[in-house]
Amino acid sequence: MIVARRIYDLGLPHRAVTVYCYLCDRANKMGECFPSAKTIALDLSLSRRTVFRALNDLEKCGLIEKKQRIRTSGGISSNLYKLTDISGKGGGA
């Protein structure tokens, strides 16, 4: 998935832009991906806490939708992240 240049005009913290680009890179044709926070942190050399903050920034701006995934055994799996249309988003975080 190609990252829209608009992401740089939204006034988001660097951490959020970095994680957004990562999610775009991992997303399927439907704009969905499900990397764990630990995987994102390791791949981007960030702390898990920074990843959680970035995901929160993105969710608050409406750039991603987060859905909890449950394993068939009933355990919790990584979240599903759905990228939303960035074209109509305003500035500010």
PDB file of N, CA and C in Angstrom:
ATOM      1  N   MET A   1       0.852  -1.176   0.000  1.00  0.00           N
ATOM      2  CA  MET A   1       0.000   0.000   0.000  1.00  0.00           C
ATOM      3  C   MET A   1       0.898   1.239   0.000  1.00  0.00           C
ATOM      4  N   ILE A   2       0.569   2.195  -0.828  1.00  0.00           N
ATOM      5  CA  ILE A   2       1.354   3.425  -0.926  1.00  0.00           C
ATOM      6  C   ILE A   2       0.869   4.415   0.123  1.00  0.00           C
ATOM      7  N   VAL A   3       1.803   5.026   0.829  1.00  0.00           N
ATOM      8  CA  VAL A   3       1.466   6.015   1.855  1.00  0.00           C
ATOM      9  C   VAL A   3       1.143   7.339   1.175  1.00  0.00           C
ATOM     10  N   ALA A   4      -0.007   7.898   1.501  1.00  0.00           N
ATOM     11  CA  ALA A   4      -0.386   9.198   0.944  1.00  0.00           C
ATOM     12  C   ALA A   4       0.515  10.285   1.527  1.00  0.00           C
ATOM     13  N   ARG A   5       0.958  11.188   0.681  1.00  0.00           N
ATOM     14  CA  ARG A   5       1.813  12.286   1.145  1.00  0.00           C
ATOM     15  C   ARG A   5       1.090  13.138   2.175  1.00  0.00           C
ATOM     16  N   ARG A   6      -0.206  13.073   2.206  1.00  0.00           N
ATOM     17  CA  ARG A   6      -1.031  13.851   3.132  1.00  0.00           C
ATOM     18  C   ARG A   6      -0.672  13.562   4.593  1.00  0.00           C
ATOM     19  N   ILE A   7      -0.147  12.385   4.876  1.00  0.00           N
ATOM     20  CA  ILE A   7       0.195  12.014   6.252  1.00  0.00           C
ATOM     21  C   ILE A   7       1.164  13.019   6.868  1.00  0.00           C
ATOM     22  N   TYR A   8       2.016  13.622   6.042  1.00  0.00           N
ATOM     23  CA  TYR A   8       3.017  14.560   6.553  1.00  0.00           C
ATOM     24  C   TYR A   8       2.431  15.933   6.861  1.00  0.00           C
ATOM     25  N   ASP A   9       1.220  16.193   6.399  1.00  0.00           N
ATOM     26  CA  ASP A   9       0.567  17.490   6.612  1.00  0.00           C
ATOM     27  C   ASP A   9      -0.367  17.501   7.819  1.00  0.00           C
ATOM     28  N   LEU A  10      -0.477  16.397   8.513  1.00  0.00           N
ATOM     29  CA  LEU A  10      -1.456  16.278   9.593  1.00  0.00           C
ATOM     30  C   LEU A  10      -0.948  16.729  10.953  1.00  0.00           C
ATOM     31  N   GLY A  11       0.331  17.048  11.054  1.00  0.00           N
ATOM     32  CA  GLY A  11       0.874  17.497  12.332  1.00  0.00           C
ATOM     33  C   GLY A  11       1.014  16.397  13.362  1.00  0.00           C
ATOM     34  N   LEU A  12       1.137  15.169  12.908  1.00  0.00           N
ATOM     35  CA  LEU A  12       1.288  14.034  13.819  1.00  0.00           C
ATOM     36  C   LEU A  12       2.713  13.948  14.348  1.00  0.00           C
ATOM     37  N   PRO A  13       2.880  13.380  15.555  1.00  0.00           N
ATOM     38  CA  PRO A  13       4.233  13.137  16.065  1.00  0.00           C
ATOM     39  C   PRO A  13       4.980  12.164  15.142  1.00  0.00           C
ATOM     40  N   HIS A  14       6.291  12.272  15.154  1.00  0.00           N
ATOM     41  CA  HIS A  14       7.140  11.399  14.332  1.00  0.00           C
ATOM     42  C   HIS A  14       6.804   9.922  14.565  1.00  0.00           C
ATOM     43  N   ARG A  15       6.576   9.558  15.820  1.00  0.00           N
ATOM     44  CA  ARG A  15       6.289   8.147  16.141  1.00  0.00           C
ATOM     45  C   ARG A  15       5.057   7.656  15.393  1.00  0.00           C
ATOM     46  N   ALA A  16       4.030   8.500  15.290  1.00  0.00           N
ATOM     47  CA  ALA A  16       2.785   8.106  14.632  1.00  0.00           C
ATOM     48  C   ALA A  16       2.983   7.954  13.128  1.00  0.00           C
ATOM     49  N   VAL A  17       3.730   8.868  12.531  1.00  0.00           N
ATOM     50  CA  VAL A  17       4.006   8.780  11.091  1.00  0.00           C
ATOM     51  C   VAL A  17       4.798   7.509  10.795  1.00  0.00           C
ATOM     52  N   THR A  18       5.783   7.222  11.632  1.00  0.00           N
ATOM     53  CA  THR A  18       6.615   6.031  11.448  1.00  0.00           C
ATOM     54  C   THR A  18       5.781   4.758  11.537  1.00  0.00           C
ATOM     55  N   VAL A  19       4.943   4.662  12.550  1.00  0.00           N
ATOM     56  CA  VAL A  19       4.108   3.467  12.722  1.00  0.00           C
ATOM     57  C   VAL A  19       3.067   3.379  11.605  1.00  0.00           C
ATOM     58  N   TYR A  20       2.511   4.512  11.183  1.00  0.00           N
ATOM     59  CA  TYR A  20       1.540   4.509  10.087  1.00  0.00           C
ATOM     60  C   TYR A  20       2.183   3.967   8.807  1.00  0.00           C
ATOM     61  N   CYS A  21       3.376   4.427   8.499  1.00  0.00           N
ATOM     62  CA  CYS A  21       4.085   3.934   7.314  1.00  0.00           C
ATOM     63  C   CYS A  21       4.341   2.430   7.417  1.00  0.00           C
ATOM     64  N   TYR A  22       4.683   1.971   8.609  1.00  0.00           N
ATOM     65  CA  TYR A  22       4.904   0.541   8.842  1.00  0.00           C
ATOM     66  C   TYR A  22       3.617  -0.251   8.581  1.00  0.00           C
ATOM     67  N   LEU A  23       2.494   0.237   9.127  1.00  0.00           N
ATOM     68  CA  LEU A  23       1.218  -0.449   8.933  1.00  0.00           C
ATOM     69  C   LEU A  23       0.827  -0.471   7.455  1.00  0.00           C
ATOM     70  N   CYS A  24       1.072   0.624   6.758  1.00  0.00           N
ATOM     71  CA  CYS A  24       0.788   0.671   5.318  1.00  0.00           C
ATOM     72  C   CYS A  24       1.606  -0.378   4.573  1.00  0.00           C
ATOM     73  N   ASP A  25       2.850  -0.538   4.971  1.00  0.00           N
ATOM     74  CA  ASP A  25       3.728  -1.512   4.333  1.00  0.00           C
ATOM     75  C   ASP A  25       3.257  -2.942   4.575  1.00  0.00           C
ATOM     76  N   ARG A  26       2.665  -3.185   5.727  1.00  0.00           N
ATOM     77  CA  ARG A  26       2.230  -4.536   6.093  1.00  0.00           C
ATOM     78  C   ARG A  26       0.786  -4.844   5.692  1.00  0.00           C
ATOM     79  N   ALA A  27       0.032  -3.834   5.277  1.00  0.00           N
ATOM     80  CA  ALA A  27      -1.396  -4.008   5.010  1.00  0.00           C
ATOM     81  C   ALA A  27      -1.655  -4.816   3.736  1.00  0.00           C
ATOM     82  N   ASN A  28      -2.757  -5.566   3.769  1.00  0.00           N
ATOM     83  CA  ASN A  28      -3.181  -6.306   2.584  1.00  0.00           C
ATOM     84  C   ASN A  28      -3.980  -5.379   1.659  1.00  0.00           C
ATOM     85  N   LYS A  29      -4.565  -5.931   0.605  1.00  0.00           N
ATOM     86  CA  LYS A  29      -5.302  -5.120  -0.370  1.00  0.00           C
ATOM     87  C   LYS A  29      -6.522  -4.434   0.233  1.00  0.00           C
ATOM     88  N   MET A  30      -7.009  -4.954   1.344  1.00  0.00           N
ATOM     89  CA  MET A  30      -8.170  -4.353   2.014  1.00  0.00           C
ATOM     90  C   MET A  30      -7.748  -3.326   3.060  1.00  0.00           C
ATOM     91  N   GLY A  31      -6.435  -3.078   3.165  1.00  0.00           N
ATOM     92  CA  GLY A  31      -5.941  -2.101   4.129  1.00  0.00           C
ATOM     93  C   GLY A  31      -5.908  -2.621   5.551  1.00  0.00           C
ATOM     94  N   GLU A  32      -5.779  -3.933   5.707  1.00  0.00           N
ATOM     95  CA  GLU A  32      -5.768  -4.550   7.036  1.00  0.00           C
ATOM     96  C   GLU A  32      -4.437  -5.248   7.297  1.00  0.00           C
ATOM     97  N   CYS A  33      -4.012  -5.204   8.551  1.00  0.00           N
ATOM     98  CA  CYS A  33      -2.829  -5.947   8.983  1.00  0.00           C
ATOM     99  C   CYS A  33      -2.969  -6.220  10.478  1.00  0.00           C
ATOM    100  N   PHE A  34      -2.158  -7.116  10.988  1.00  0.00           N
ATOM    101  CA  PHE A  34      -2.290  -7.481  12.399  1.00  0.00           C
ATOM    102  C   PHE A  34      -0.956  -7.793  13.069  1.00  0.00           C
ATOM    103  N   PRO A  35       0.035  -6.912  12.914  1.00  0.00           N
ATOM    104  CA  PRO A  35       1.289  -7.130  13.641  1.00  0.00           C
ATOM    105  C   PRO A  35       1.098  -6.832  15.128  1.00  0.00           C
ATOM    106  N   SER A  36       1.792  -7.550  15.962  1.00  0.00           N
ATOM    107  CA  SER A  36       1.722  -7.262  17.398  1.00  0.00           C
ATOM    108  C   SER A  36       2.525  -6.000  17.701  1.00  0.00           C
ATOM    109  N   ALA A  37       2.235  -5.377  18.825  1.00  0.00           N
ATOM    110  CA  ALA A  37       2.996  -4.197  19.254  1.00  0.00           C
ATOM    111  C   ALA A  37       4.467  -4.567  19.434  1.00  0.00           C
ATOM    112  N   LYS A  38       4.721  -5.765  19.906  1.00  0.00           N
ATOM    113  CA  LYS A  38       6.099  -6.227  20.089  1.00  0.00           C
ATOM    114  C   LYS A  38       6.827  -6.309  18.747  1.00  0.00           C
ATOM    115  N   THR A  39       6.161  -6.843  17.732  1.00  0.00           N
ATOM    116  CA  THR A  39       6.760  -6.944  16.402  1.00  0.00           C
ATOM    117  C   THR A  39       7.034  -5.568  15.816  1.00  0.00           C
ATOM    118  N   ILE A  40       6.061  -4.664  15.934  1.00  0.00           N
ATOM    119  CA  ILE A  40       6.245  -3.299  15.435  1.00  0.00           C
ATOM    120  C   ILE A  40       7.443  -2.656  16.139  1.00  0.00           C
ATOM    121  N   ALA A  41       7.486  -2.798  17.463  1.00  0.00           N
ATOM    122  CA  ALA A  41       8.569  -2.203  18.251  1.00  0.00           C
ATOM    123  C   ALA A  41       9.935  -2.747  17.825  1.00  0.00           C
ATOM    124  N   LEU A  42      10.033  -4.049  17.664  1.00  0.00           N
ATOM    125  CA  LEU A  42      11.307  -4.656  17.257  1.00  0.00           C
ATOM    126  C   LEU A  42      11.713  -4.211  15.855  1.00  0.00           C
ATOM    127  N   ASP A  43      10.769  -4.228  14.928  1.00  0.00           N
ATOM    128  CA  ASP A  43      11.080  -3.868  13.541  1.00  0.00           C
ATOM    129  C   ASP A  43      11.480  -2.402  13.390  1.00  0.00           C
ATOM    130  N   LEU A  44      10.899  -1.525  14.212  1.00  0.00           N
ATOM    131  CA  LEU A  44      11.167  -0.089  14.093  1.00  0.00           C
ATOM    132  C   LEU A  44      12.157   0.435  15.135  1.00  0.00           C
ATOM    133  N   SER A  45      12.670  -0.449  15.979  1.00  0.00           N
ATOM    134  CA  SER A  45      13.586  -0.058  17.066  1.00  0.00           C
ATOM    135  C   SER A  45      12.963   1.003  17.970  1.00  0.00           C
ATOM    136  N   LEU A  46      11.708   0.766  18.348  1.00  0.00           N
ATOM    137  CA  LEU A  46      10.976   1.625  19.278  1.00  0.00           C
ATOM    138  C   LEU A  46      10.618   0.809  20.509  1.00  0.00           C
ATOM    139  N   SER A  47      10.275   1.482  21.592  1.00  0.00           N
ATOM    140  CA  SER A  47       9.766   0.758  22.754  1.00  0.00           C
ATOM    141  C   SER A  47       8.299   0.399  22.497  1.00  0.00           C
ATOM    142  N   ARG A  48       7.824  -0.621  23.181  1.00  0.00           N
ATOM    143  CA  ARG A  48       6.406  -0.988  23.044  1.00  0.00           C
ATOM    144  C   ARG A  48       5.516   0.165  23.481  1.00  0.00           C
ATOM    145  N   ARG A  49       5.921   0.880  24.518  1.00  0.00           N
ATOM    146  CA  ARG A  49       5.132   2.019  25.000  1.00  0.00           C
ATOM    147  C   ARG A  49       5.005   3.098  23.922  1.00  0.00           C
ATOM    148  N   THR A  50       6.089   3.356  23.208  1.00  0.00           N
ATOM    149  CA  THR A  50       6.052   4.335  22.119  1.00  0.00           C
ATOM    150  C   THR A  50       5.121   3.863  21.005  1.00  0.00           C
ATOM    151  N   VAL A  51       5.154   2.575  20.713  1.00  0.00           N
ATOM    152  CA  VAL A  51       4.247   2.014  19.703  1.00  0.00           C
ATOM    153  C   VAL A  51       2.799   2.197  20.145  1.00  0.00           C
ATOM    154  N   PHE A  52       2.497   1.904  21.412  1.00  0.00           N
ATOM    155  CA  PHE A  52       1.126   2.080  21.910  1.00  0.00           C
ATOM    156  C   PHE A  52       0.691   3.543  21.807  1.00  0.00           C
ATOM    157  N   ARG A  53       1.592   4.461  22.124  1.00  0.00           N
ATOM    158  CA  ARG A  53       1.265   5.892  22.008  1.00  0.00           C
ATOM    159  C   ARG A  53       0.990   6.267  20.553  1.00  0.00           C
ATOM    160  N   ALA A  54       1.816   5.762  19.651  1.00  0.00           N
ATOM    161  CA  ALA A  54       1.638   6.056  18.228  1.00  0.00           C
ATOM    162  C   ALA A  54       0.313   5.501  17.712  1.00  0.00           C
ATOM    163  N   LEU A  55      -0.013   4.283  18.096  1.00  0.00           N
ATOM    164  CA  LEU A  55      -1.281   3.687  17.675  1.00  0.00           C
ATOM    165  C   LEU A  55      -2.462   4.488  18.216  1.00  0.00           C
ATOM    166  N   ASN A  56      -2.336   4.961  19.443  1.00  0.00           N
ATOM    167  CA  ASN A  56      -3.377   5.800  20.032  1.00  0.00           C
ATOM    168  C   ASN A  56      -3.519   7.112  19.251  1.00  0.00           C
ATOM    169  N   ASP A  57      -2.395   7.731  18.890  1.00  0.00           N
ATOM    170  CA  ASP A  57      -2.412   8.954  18.071  1.00  0.00           C
ATOM    171  C   ASP A  57      -3.166   8.709  16.763  1.00  0.00           C
ATOM    172  N   LEU A  58      -2.844   7.608  16.106  1.00  0.00           N
ATOM    173  CA  LEU A  58      -3.451   7.285  14.816  1.00  0.00           C
ATOM    174  C   LEU A  58      -4.938   6.994  14.947  1.00  0.00           C
ATOM    175  N   GLU A  59      -5.301   6.315  16.023  1.00  0.00           N
ATOM    176  CA  GLU A  59      -6.713   6.002  16.246  1.00  0.00           C
ATOM    177  C   GLU A  59      -7.507   7.275  16.548  1.00  0.00           C
ATOM    178  N   LYS A  60      -6.941   8.162  17.368  1.00  0.00           N
ATOM    179  CA  LYS A  60      -7.616   9.423  17.703  1.00  0.00           C
ATOM    180  C   LYS A  60      -7.824  10.302  16.475  1.00  0.00           C
ATOM    181  N   CYS A  61      -6.890  10.261  15.540  1.00  0.00           N
ATOM    182  CA  CYS A  61      -7.008  11.045  14.303  1.00  0.00           C
ATOM    183  C   CYS A  61      -7.916  10.368  13.277  1.00  0.00           C
ATOM    184  N   GLY A  62      -8.309   9.136  13.558  1.00  0.00           N
ATOM    185  CA  GLY A  62      -9.173   8.419  12.628  1.00  0.00           C
ATOM    186  C   GLY A  62      -8.445   7.803  11.452  1.00  0.00           C
ATOM    187  N   LEU A  63      -7.135   7.651  11.565  1.00  0.00           N
ATOM    188  CA  LEU A  63      -6.356   7.067  10.474  1.00  0.00           C
ATOM    189  C   LEU A  63      -6.354   5.547  10.498  1.00  0.00           C
ATOM    190  N   ILE A  64      -6.617   4.980  11.665  1.00  0.00           N
ATOM    191  CA  ILE A  64      -6.737   3.526  11.782  1.00  0.00           C
ATOM    192  C   ILE A  64      -7.941   3.197  12.651  1.00  0.00           C
ATOM    193  N   GLU A  65      -8.466   2.016  12.423  1.00  0.00           N
ATOM    194  CA  GLU A  65      -9.474   1.438  13.310  1.00  0.00           C
ATOM    195  C   GLU A  65      -8.852   0.172  13.881  1.00  0.00           C
ATOM    196  N   LYS A  66      -8.998  -0.017  15.167  1.00  0.00           N
ATOM    197  CA  LYS A  66      -8.384  -1.152  15.855  1.00  0.00           C
ATOM    198  C   LYS A  66      -9.481  -2.103  16.315  1.00  0.00           C
ATOM    199  N   LYS A  67      -9.264  -3.390  16.067  1.00  0.00           N
ATOM    200  CA  LYS A  67     -10.223  -4.406  16.504  1.00  0.00           C
ATOM    201  C   LYS A  67      -9.456  -5.545  17.174  1.00  0.00           C
ATOM    202  N   GLN A  68      -9.910  -5.922  18.358  1.00  0.00           N
ATOM    203  CA  GLN A  68      -9.261  -7.011  19.082  1.00  0.00           C
ATOM    204  C   GLN A  68      -9.588  -8.338  18.408  1.00  0.00           C
ATOM    205  N   ARG A  69      -8.570  -9.192  18.283  1.00  0.00           N
ATOM    206  CA  ARG A  69      -8.773 -10.521  17.704  1.00  0.00           C
ATOM    207  C   ARG A  69      -8.697 -11.562  18.821  1.00  0.00           C
ATOM    208  N   ILE A  70      -9.573 -12.538  18.744  1.00  0.00           N
ATOM    209  CA  ILE A  70      -9.623 -13.616  19.734  1.00  0.00           C
ATOM    210  C   ILE A  70      -9.269 -14.932  19.043  1.00  0.00           C
ATOM    211  N   ARG A  71      -8.388 -15.686  19.659  1.00  0.00           N
ATOM    212  CA  ARG A  71      -8.008 -17.001  19.130  1.00  0.00           C
ATOM    213  C   ARG A  71      -9.171 -17.984  19.304  1.00  0.00           C
ATOM    214  N   THR A  72      -9.148 -19.060  18.541  1.00  0.00           N
ATOM    215  CA  THR A  72     -10.194 -20.076  18.657  1.00  0.00           C
ATOM    216  C   THR A  72     -10.199 -20.706  20.048  1.00  0.00           C
ATOM    217  N   SER A  73      -9.046 -20.686  20.716  1.00  0.00           N
ATOM    218  CA  SER A  73      -8.955 -21.232  22.072  1.00  0.00           C
ATOM    219  C   SER A  73      -9.510 -20.264  23.114  1.00  0.00           C
ATOM    220  N   GLY A  74      -9.861 -19.043  22.671  1.00  0.00           N
ATOM    221  CA  GLY A  74     -10.391 -18.043  23.596  1.00  0.00           C
ATOM    222  C   GLY A  74      -9.365 -17.025  24.053  1.00  0.00           C
ATOM    223  N   GLY A  75      -8.098 -17.256  23.743  1.00  0.00           N
ATOM    224  CA  GLY A  75      -7.051 -16.315  24.132  1.00  0.00           C
ATOM    225  C   GLY A  75      -7.038 -15.077  23.244  1.00  0.00           C
ATOM    226  N   ILE A  76      -6.352 -14.058  23.717  1.00  0.00           N
ATOM    227  CA  ILE A  76      -6.263 -12.807  22.968  1.00  0.00           C
ATOM    228  C   ILE A  76      -5.076 -12.870  22.013  1.00  0.00           C
ATOM    229  N   SER A  77      -5.295 -12.440  20.787  1.00  0.00           N
ATOM    230  CA  SER A  77      -4.253 -12.388  19.767  1.00  0.00           C
ATOM    231  C   SER A  77      -3.896 -10.926  19.508  1.00  0.00           C
ATOM    232  N   SER A  78      -3.049 -10.682  18.532  1.00  0.00           N
ATOM    233  CA  SER A  78      -2.714  -9.296  18.183  1.00  0.00           C
ATOM    234  C   SER A  78      -3.950  -8.595  17.618  1.00  0.00           C
ATOM    235  N   ASN A  79      -3.957  -7.284  17.695  1.00  0.00           N
ATOM    236  CA  ASN A  79      -5.077  -6.506  17.171  1.00  0.00           C
ATOM    237  C   ASN A  79      -5.053  -6.493  15.647  1.00  0.00           C
ATOM    238  N   LEU A  80      -6.233  -6.292  15.078  1.00  0.00           N
ATOM    239  CA  LEU A  80      -6.363  -6.067  13.643  1.00  0.00           C
ATOM    240  C   LEU A  80      -6.421  -4.564  13.435  1.00  0.00           C
ATOM    241  N   TYR A  81      -5.592  -4.047  12.542  1.00  0.00           N
ATOM    242  CA  TYR A  81      -5.578  -2.618  12.235  1.00  0.00           C
ATOM    243  C   TYR A  81      -6.100  -2.417  10.825  1.00  0.00           C
ATOM    244  N   LYS A  82      -7.103  -1.575  10.707  1.00  0.00           N
ATOM    245  CA  LYS A  82      -7.698  -1.235   9.409  1.00  0.00           C
ATOM    246  C   LYS A  82      -7.341   0.210   9.106  1.00  0.00           C
ATOM    247  N   LEU A  83      -6.656   0.432   7.990  1.00  0.00           N
ATOM    248  CA  LEU A  83      -6.292   1.782   7.572  1.00  0.00           C
ATOM    249  C   LEU A  83      -7.516   2.445   6.956  1.00  0.00           C
ATOM    250  N   THR A  84      -7.765   3.682   7.323  1.00  0.00           N
ATOM    251  CA  THR A  84      -8.909   4.408   6.782  1.00  0.00           C
ATOM    252  C   THR A  84      -8.446   5.375   5.699  1.00  0.00           C
ATOM    253  N   ASP A  85      -9.394   5.943   4.981  1.00  0.00           N
ATOM    254  CA  ASP A  85      -9.081   6.890   3.910  1.00  0.00           C
ATOM    255  C   ASP A  85      -8.486   8.157   4.502  1.00  0.00           C
ATOM    256  N   ILE A  86      -7.306   8.502   4.078  1.00  0.00           N
ATOM    257  CA  ILE A  86      -6.590   9.653   4.629  1.00  0.00           C
ATOM    258  C   ILE A  86      -6.954  10.953   3.915  1.00  0.00           C
ATOM    259  N   SER A  87      -7.581  10.869   2.763  1.00  0.00           N
ATOM    260  CA  SER A  87      -7.773  12.055   1.921  1.00  0.00           C
ATOM    261  C   SER A  87      -8.586  13.167   2.575  1.00  0.00           C
ATOM    262  N   GLY A  88      -9.538  12.825   3.440  1.00  0.00           N
ATOM    263  CA  GLY A  88     -10.370  13.862   4.029  1.00  0.00           C
ATOM    264  C   GLY A  88      -9.971  14.285   5.424  1.00  0.00           C
ATOM    265  N   LYS A  89      -8.820  13.846   5.895  1.00  0.00           N
ATOM    266  CA  LYS A  89      -8.403  14.151   7.265  1.00  0.00           C
ATOM    267  C   LYS A  89      -7.847  15.558   7.370  1.00  0.00           C
ATOM    268  N   GLY A  90      -8.165  16.220   8.493  1.00  0.00           N
ATOM    269  CA  GLY A  90      -7.652  17.569   8.750  1.00  0.00           C
ATOM    270  C   GLY A  90      -6.335  17.524   9.486  1.00  0.00           C
ATOM    271  N   GLY A  91      -5.743  18.666   9.730  1.00  0.00           N
ATOM    272  CA  GLY A  91      -4.461  18.739  10.427  1.00  0.00           C
ATOM    273  C   GLY A  91      -4.621  18.654  11.922  1.00  0.00           C
ATOM    274  N   GLY A  92      -3.508  18.445  12.622  1.00  0.00           N
ATOM    275  CA  GLY A  92      -3.474  18.398  14.084  1.00  0.00           C
ATOM    276  C   GLY A  92      -3.579  17.003  14.615  1.00  0.00           C
ATOM    277  N   ALA A  93      -2.924  16.763  15.760  1.00  0.00           N
ATOM    278  CA  ALA A  93      -2.944  15.433  16.371  1.00  0.00           C
ATOM    279  C   ALA A  93      -3.735  15.441  17.633  1.00  0.00           C
TER     280      ALA A  93
END
